[in-house]
Protein backbone atom coordinates (compact mmCIF):
# COMPACT_ATOMS: atom_id res chain seq x y z
CA UNK A 1 36.25 150.82 48.32
CA UNK A 2 33.55 148.24 48.83
CA UNK A 3 30.55 149.00 50.99
CA UNK A 4 29.93 146.69 53.96
CA UNK A 5 26.80 145.05 52.53
CA UNK A 6 28.47 144.38 49.18
CA UNK A 7 31.54 143.01 50.93
CA UNK A 8 29.49 140.66 53.11
CA UNK A 9 27.56 139.46 50.05
CA UNK A 10 30.85 138.81 48.26
CA UNK A 11 32.15 136.79 51.22
CA UNK A 12 28.94 134.75 51.24
CA UNK A 13 29.33 134.00 47.53
CA UNK A 14 32.97 132.97 48.00
CA UNK A 15 32.01 130.62 50.85
CA UNK A 16 29.28 129.03 48.75
CA UNK A 17 31.42 128.45 45.67
CA UNK A 18 34.47 127.49 47.78
CA UNK A 19 36.94 129.51 45.70
CA UNK A 20 37.80 133.12 45.00
CA UNK A 21 38.89 135.03 41.91
CA UNK A 22 40.28 138.53 42.16
CA UNK A 23 41.34 140.89 39.40
CA UNK A 24 43.70 143.75 40.05
CA UNK A 25 42.66 143.99 43.70
CA UNK A 26 46.22 144.55 44.96
CA UNK A 27 48.18 145.35 41.83
CA UNK A 28 47.24 146.47 38.34
CA UNK A 29 47.81 143.84 35.67
CA UNK A 30 47.58 140.89 38.06
CA UNK A 31 44.75 138.51 38.82
CA UNK A 32 44.54 135.55 41.19
CA UNK A 33 42.55 132.46 42.01
CA UNK A 34 42.45 130.83 45.45
CA UNK A 35 40.91 127.78 47.12
CA UNK A 36 40.76 126.87 50.81
CA UNK A 37 42.67 123.97 52.29
CA UNK A 38 40.66 122.19 54.95
CA UNK A 39 42.06 120.29 57.90
CA UNK A 40 40.76 116.95 59.13
CA UNK A 41 38.10 118.79 61.17
CA UNK A 42 36.78 120.52 58.01
CA UNK A 43 38.02 123.93 59.17
CA UNK A 44 40.06 126.10 56.83
CA UNK A 45 43.72 125.89 57.81
CA UNK A 46 45.35 127.49 54.76
CA UNK A 47 44.76 128.61 51.19
CA UNK A 48 46.30 127.67 47.89
CA UNK A 49 46.47 130.29 45.18
CA UNK A 50 47.92 131.19 41.83
CA UNK A 51 48.73 134.69 40.61
CA UNK A 52 49.16 135.55 36.95
CA UNK A 53 49.63 138.63 34.80
CA UNK A 54 46.34 139.55 33.13
CA UNK A 55 48.24 139.86 29.83
CA UNK A 56 49.14 136.15 29.91
CA UNK A 57 45.95 134.48 31.10
CA UNK A 58 42.25 135.21 31.07
CA UNK A 59 39.77 134.86 33.91
CA UNK A 60 38.04 132.14 31.89
CA UNK A 61 41.29 130.17 31.51
CA UNK A 62 42.06 130.36 35.22
CA UNK A 63 38.58 129.20 36.20
CA UNK A 64 38.19 126.49 33.56
CA UNK A 65 41.70 125.04 33.57
CA UNK A 66 43.53 126.06 36.73
CA UNK A 67 40.70 125.96 39.28
CA UNK A 68 40.18 122.17 38.98
CA UNK A 69 43.92 121.65 39.53
CA UNK A 70 43.93 123.89 42.60
CA UNK A 71 40.87 122.10 44.01
CA UNK A 72 42.42 118.67 43.44
CA UNK A 73 45.68 119.74 45.07
CA UNK A 74 43.82 121.23 48.04
CA UNK A 75 41.96 117.91 48.52
CA UNK A 76 45.26 116.01 48.35
CA UNK A 77 46.87 118.33 50.91
CA UNK A 78 43.99 117.74 53.32
CA UNK A 79 45.08 114.12 53.59
CA UNK A 80 48.52 115.09 54.92
CA UNK A 81 47.51 117.88 57.31
């Protein structure tokens, strides 16, 4: 379990970087990367994420190669929301 202060600090960091990586938070052997999708009013209306087995991809690969694709797709989706 995460203490309140640590959790709030983590949320602040996620807001600042505008993406989130999690490793085995919900299921062992699985990690995920997510980005927000903003509406025309710049409020978050949804999220776009990818989930992968930790055996098949590394955190570094997800952040270096997949994150830019997720961010680009999220920007594109904003135009149609």
